[in-house]
Protein backbone atom coordinates (compact mmCIF):
# COMPACT_ATOMS: atom_id res chain seq x y z
CA UNK A 1 -53.63 7.33 -38.77
CA UNK A 2 -54.28 9.18 -42.05
CA UNK A 3 -51.91 10.79 -44.52
CA UNK A 4 -53.00 14.37 -43.60
CA UNK A 5 -51.09 14.08 -40.37
CA UNK A 6 -53.82 13.31 -37.83
CA UNK A 7 -53.07 10.84 -35.06
CA UNK A 8 -55.80 8.82 -33.40
CA UNK A 9 -55.38 7.67 -29.84
CA UNK A 10 -57.85 4.97 -28.91
CA UNK A 11 -58.52 4.09 -25.32
CA UNK A 12 -60.45 0.89 -24.95
CA UNK A 13 -62.32 0.28 -21.75
CA UNK A 14 -64.50 -2.60 -20.81
CA UNK A 15 -67.85 -2.09 -19.23
CA UNK A 16 -70.78 -4.25 -18.32
CA UNK A 17 -74.21 -2.91 -19.30
CA UNK A 18 -77.37 -3.56 -17.39
CA UNK A 19 -78.33 -6.52 -19.60
CA UNK A 20 -75.35 -8.50 -18.30
CA UNK A 21 -73.65 -8.90 -21.66
CA UNK A 22 -70.14 -7.48 -21.65
CA UNK A 23 -69.33 -5.06 -24.46
CA UNK A 24 -66.29 -3.12 -25.42
CA UNK A 25 -66.70 0.69 -25.51
CA UNK A 26 -64.22 2.57 -27.61
CA UNK A 27 -63.43 6.19 -26.78
CA UNK A 28 -61.24 7.99 -29.20
CA UNK A 29 -59.46 11.28 -28.87
CA UNK A 30 -58.10 13.01 -31.94
CA UNK A 31 -55.04 15.22 -31.51
CA UNK A 32 -54.01 17.32 -34.49
CA UNK A 33 -50.44 17.04 -35.60
CA UNK A 34 -48.73 19.80 -37.57
CA UNK A 35 -47.85 18.87 -41.16
CA UNK A 36 -44.24 18.08 -41.93
CA UNK A 37 -42.11 21.21 -42.17
CA UNK A 38 -44.61 23.45 -40.35
CA UNK A 39 -43.68 25.38 -37.20
CA UNK A 40 -45.27 24.07 -34.00
CA UNK A 41 -48.03 26.23 -32.63
CA UNK A 42 -47.50 27.58 -29.15
CA UNK A 43 -49.82 29.38 -26.81
CA UNK A 44 -48.52 32.72 -25.57
CA UNK A 45 -49.86 35.86 -23.99
CA UNK A 46 -49.62 38.90 -26.20
CA UNK A 47 -47.80 41.84 -24.71
CA UNK A 48 -47.20 45.27 -26.08
CA UNK A 49 -43.54 45.56 -27.07
CA UNK A 50 -41.47 48.08 -25.20
CA UNK A 51 -40.19 50.76 -27.55
CA UNK A 52 -36.55 51.41 -26.57
CA UNK A 53 -36.60 54.70 -28.51
CA UNK A 54 -39.43 56.08 -26.38
CA UNK A 55 -37.76 54.95 -23.18
CA UNK A 56 -34.50 56.48 -24.40
CA UNK A 57 -36.26 59.80 -24.91
CA UNK A 58 -37.38 59.81 -21.29
CA UNK A 59 -33.90 58.88 -20.10
CA UNK A 60 -32.19 61.61 -22.11
CA UNK A 61 -34.58 64.45 -21.23
CA UNK A 62 -33.26 65.34 -17.77
CA UNK A 63 -29.51 65.28 -18.51
CA UNK A 64 -30.07 67.20 -21.76
CA UNK A 65 -32.10 69.92 -20.04
CA UNK A 66 -29.60 70.33 -17.23
CA UNK A 67 -26.56 70.31 -19.51
CA UNK A 68 -28.06 72.95 -21.79
CA UNK A 69 -29.08 75.07 -18.81
CA UNK A 70 -25.71 74.89 -17.06
CA UNK A 71 -23.79 75.74 -20.25
CA UNK A 72 -26.03 78.76 -20.83
CA UNK A 73 -25.77 79.85 -17.23
CA UNK A 74 -21.98 79.79 -17.38
CA UNK A 75 -21.79 81.69 -20.65
CA UNK A 76 -24.67 84.21 -20.48
CA UNK A 77 -23.60 87.63 -19.29
CA UNK A 78 -25.09 88.65 -15.95
CA UNK A 79 -26.46 85.22 -15.03
CA UNK A 80 -25.63 83.98 -11.53
CA UNK A 81 -26.71 80.55 -10.31
CA UNK A 82 -26.84 81.83 -6.75
CA UNK A 83 -29.31 84.58 -7.67
CA UNK A 84 -31.10 83.61 -10.88
CA UNK A 85 -33.41 80.73 -11.69
CA UNK A 86 -32.56 78.64 -14.72
CA UNK A 87 -35.95 79.55 -16.19
CA UNK A 88 -34.78 83.14 -16.57
CA UNK A 89 -32.44 82.01 -19.33
CA UNK A 90 -35.53 82.24 -21.58
CA UNK A 91 -35.13 86.03 -21.41
CA UNK A 92 -32.91 88.26 -23.52
CA UNK A 93 -31.59 88.01 -27.06
CA UNK A 94 -30.47 84.41 -26.58
CA UNK A 95 -33.55 83.42 -24.65
CA UNK A 96 -34.83 81.36 -27.58
CA UNK A 97 -32.22 78.72 -26.74
CA UNK A 98 -33.75 78.03 -23.34
CA UNK A 99 -37.25 78.20 -24.81
CA UNK A 100 -36.27 75.45 -27.25
CA UNK A 101 -34.67 73.59 -24.36
CA UNK A 102 -38.05 73.58 -22.59
CA UNK A 103 -39.89 72.47 -25.74
CA UNK A 104 -37.50 69.67 -26.71
CA UNK A 105 -37.18 68.26 -23.21
CA UNK A 106 -40.91 68.51 -22.61
CA UNK A 107 -41.57 66.44 -25.73
CA UNK A 108 -38.89 63.93 -24.74
CA UNK A 109 -40.48 63.50 -21.31
CA UNK A 110 -43.92 62.95 -22.83
CA UNK A 111 -42.45 60.37 -25.23
CA UNK A 112 -40.80 58.70 -22.24
CA UNK A 113 -44.17 58.56 -20.48
CA UNK A 114 -45.62 56.68 -23.46
CA UNK A 115 -42.73 54.23 -23.35
CA UNK A 116 -43.18 53.90 -19.61
CA UNK A 117 -46.84 52.98 -20.07
CA UNK A 118 -45.92 50.25 -22.54
CA UNK A 119 -43.20 48.94 -20.26
CA UNK A 120 -45.29 48.74 -17.09
CA UNK A 121 -48.36 47.09 -18.69
CA UNK A 122 -49.81 46.01 -15.34
CA UNK A 123 -49.15 46.02 -11.61
CA UNK A 124 -48.45 48.86 -9.16
CA UNK A 125 -47.74 52.22 -10.75
CA UNK A 126 -49.28 51.36 -14.10
CA UNK A 127 -52.38 53.51 -13.69
CA UNK A 128 -50.87 56.69 -12.29
CA UNK A 129 -47.16 56.94 -13.11
CA UNK A 130 -47.33 57.41 -16.92
CA UNK A 131 -50.04 60.12 -16.90
CA UNK A 132 -48.31 61.95 -14.05
CA UNK A 133 -45.03 61.95 -15.98
CA UNK A 134 -46.99 63.25 -18.97
CA UNK A 135 -48.22 66.17 -16.86
CA UNK A 136 -44.63 66.85 -15.87
CA UNK A 137 -43.58 66.95 -19.53
CA UNK A 138 -46.50 69.22 -20.40
CA UNK A 139 -45.37 71.67 -17.70
CA UNK A 140 -42.16 72.22 -19.67
CA UNK A 141 -44.21 73.23 -22.69
CA UNK A 142 -46.14 75.68 -20.52
CA UNK A 143 -42.84 77.12 -19.29
CA UNK A 144 -41.74 77.60 -22.89
CA UNK A 145 -44.83 79.62 -23.73
CA UNK A 146 -45.10 81.59 -20.48
CA UNK A 147 -41.55 82.66 -19.71
CA UNK A 148 -40.28 83.68 -16.28
CA UNK A 149 -40.12 87.29 -15.18
CA UNK A 150 -36.80 89.16 -15.22
CA UNK A 151 -35.21 89.89 -11.88
CA UNK A 152 -32.11 89.76 -9.69
CA UNK A 153 -30.06 91.60 -12.30
CA UNK A 154 -30.89 89.33 -15.24
CA UNK A 155 -31.07 90.08 -18.09
CA UNK A 156 -28.35 92.70 -17.85
CA UNK A 157 -29.86 96.05 -16.88
CA UNK A 158 -32.67 94.55 -14.79
CA UNK A 159 -33.07 95.96 -11.31
CA UNK A 160 -31.61 93.94 -8.45
CA UNK A 161 -34.62 94.69 -6.30
CA UNK A 162 -37.95 92.82 -6.16
CA UNK A 163 -40.05 92.92 -9.30
CA UNK A 164 -43.80 92.75 -9.85
CA UNK A 165 -45.09 89.29 -10.75
CA UNK A 166 -46.69 89.41 -14.18
CA UNK A 167 -49.46 87.19 -15.49
CA UNK A 168 -47.15 85.12 -17.68
CA UNK A 169 -44.68 84.88 -14.81
CA UNK A 170 -47.43 83.60 -12.52
CA UNK A 171 -48.51 80.98 -15.08
CA UNK A 172 -44.87 79.95 -15.47
CA UNK A 173 -44.50 79.42 -11.74
CA UNK A 174 -47.84 77.62 -11.40
CA UNK A 175 -47.06 75.33 -14.32
CA UNK A 176 -43.69 74.41 -12.87
CA UNK A 177 -45.14 73.75 -9.43
CA UNK A 178 -47.93 71.53 -10.78
CA UNK A 179 -45.47 69.68 -13.00
CA UNK A 180 -43.05 68.89 -10.21
CA UNK A 181 -45.81 67.87 -7.83
CA UNK A 182 -47.02 65.46 -10.51
CA UNK A 183 -43.48 64.12 -10.85
CA UNK A 184 -43.26 63.58 -7.10
CA UNK A 185 -46.56 61.71 -7.15
CA UNK A 186 -45.25 59.55 -10.02
CA UNK A 187 -42.18 58.64 -7.96
CA UNK A 188 -44.38 57.59 -5.04
CA UNK A 189 -46.51 55.45 -7.36
CA UNK A 190 -43.39 53.80 -8.77
CA UNK A 191 -42.05 53.24 -5.26
CA UNK A 192 -44.92 50.78 -4.75
CA UNK A 193 -43.84 48.93 -7.87
CA UNK A 194 -40.23 48.71 -6.71
CA UNK A 195 -41.43 47.43 -3.34
CA UNK A 196 -43.49 44.73 -5.04
CA UNK A 197 -40.37 43.73 -7.02
CA UNK A 198 -38.32 43.51 -3.84
CA UNK A 199 -36.11 46.46 -4.83
CA UNK A 200 -36.09 48.16 -1.46
CA UNK A 201 -33.33 50.62 -2.25
CA UNK A 202 -35.12 51.95 -5.32
CA UNK A 203 -38.40 52.06 -3.44
CA UNK A 204 -36.86 54.03 -0.56
CA UNK A 205 -35.10 56.48 -2.89
CA UNK A 206 -38.33 57.02 -4.84
CA UNK A 207 -39.94 58.15 -1.59
CA UNK A 208 -37.04 60.33 -0.45
CA UNK A 209 -36.53 62.21 -3.73
CA UNK A 210 -40.02 63.80 -3.66
CA UNK A 211 -39.30 65.15 -0.18
CA UNK A 212 -36.08 66.78 -1.41
CA UNK A 213 -37.83 68.22 -4.48
CA UNK A 214 -40.63 69.76 -2.42
CA UNK A 215 -38.09 71.08 0.11
CA UNK A 216 -36.24 72.76 -2.75
CA UNK A 217 -39.41 74.52 -3.87
CA UNK A 218 -40.23 75.62 -0.34
CA UNK A 219 -36.69 76.88 0.23
CA UNK A 220 -36.48 78.72 -3.10
CA UNK A 221 -37.41 81.99 -1.39
CA UNK A 222 -34.30 81.72 0.75
CA UNK A 223 -31.92 80.28 -1.86
CA UNK A 224 -32.24 79.77 -5.59
CA UNK A 225 -29.64 77.02 -5.33
CA UNK A 226 -32.00 74.97 -3.16
CA UNK A 227 -34.64 75.21 -5.86
CA UNK A 228 -32.15 74.25 -8.57
CA UNK A 229 -30.88 71.30 -6.53
CA UNK A 230 -34.39 69.93 -5.92
CA UNK A 231 -35.46 70.40 -9.53
CA UNK A 232 -32.25 68.85 -10.88
CA UNK A 233 -32.58 65.85 -8.56
CA UNK A 234 -36.12 65.25 -9.81
CA UNK A 235 -34.95 65.25 -13.43
CA UNK A 236 -32.01 62.96 -12.76
CA UNK A 237 -34.10 60.51 -10.77
CA UNK A 238 -36.71 60.39 -13.53
CA UNK A 239 -34.00 59.37 -15.99
CA UNK A 240 -32.62 56.78 -13.58
CA UNK A 241 -36.08 55.37 -12.86
CA UNK A 242 -37.03 55.00 -16.52
CA UNK A 243 -33.67 53.38 -17.26
CA UNK A 244 -34.16 50.92 -14.41
CA UNK A 245 -37.69 50.02 -15.47
CA UNK A 246 -36.56 49.61 -19.08
CA UNK A 247 -33.88 47.15 -17.96
CA UNK A 248 -36.31 45.26 -15.72
CA UNK A 249 -39.02 44.86 -18.36
CA UNK A 250 -36.62 43.91 -21.15
CA UNK A 251 -35.07 41.17 -19.00
CA UNK A 252 -38.48 39.54 -18.57
CA UNK A 253 -39.01 39.10 -22.29
C-alpha cells in the first residue's frame, strides 16, 4: 500500500507447471481509492432535468384561456354563449384582448410541450405527444392571426342570419380543427404511457376525452355550447395530464 492512496489486493494461488516443480503464481488487482477528503465517485445515468417552469406554463394555459374567455363573454355587449363561439371575442373594439389571449396561451402550451418532452424522456408517448401538443399550441397562434368571422349578432350590429365564410375565417376554423385533432392524438399517445404505468383510470380518461372533444366539434352546428364544452374539456385535461406527468417524473428523481 502506497501513500498516494492505492490499495493492492494480492491473491496467491498455487499451481503446478508441466515440469513438476511447484511454483507460486501471484495475481494482483489494483483498486483505486479516493484520496482523503475527496467525494466518492458514483456511476449514474445522466437525465435531462425537468424544468418545472415549462411544465407550469403548460398547466396554466388552459385555465387561463378559459377564465379570460368566460370573463369577456360575460362582460362584452351582445355576446351570448349559447349563440356565439368564444373565438368571436377577437372581433370588435375590445377584440385585441382575445387576440392576446390566443397568443399568450399558445406560447404557454408550446412551452409546456417542451417541458413535457424533457419529462417523458423515453417510453410510450415520448415520440408523439410533445410534438402533437406543440401543434395544438401553434393552432392558437394561427387563431390569433386569422380571426373568426362575425355572426349570430356579434359584434353588436351583425346580422343574426347566416354569414359568408371568409378566407381568414376558413383558416381560423381549419387551424382550430387541426389543433384539436392533434391534441386528441396526443391524449391517445399518453394513454399508452398511463397504461404502462398501471394508471388505468388516467389511461381510460385519456381515451374518452378525445371522443368528447370530437363530438363537440361535430355537434357545433347544432349547438355552440357543445363545441365550447368539448374544447374546454380538452384544455382542462391537457393541464391535468401535464400536472400528473410532472408529479410522476419528479417523484422518480
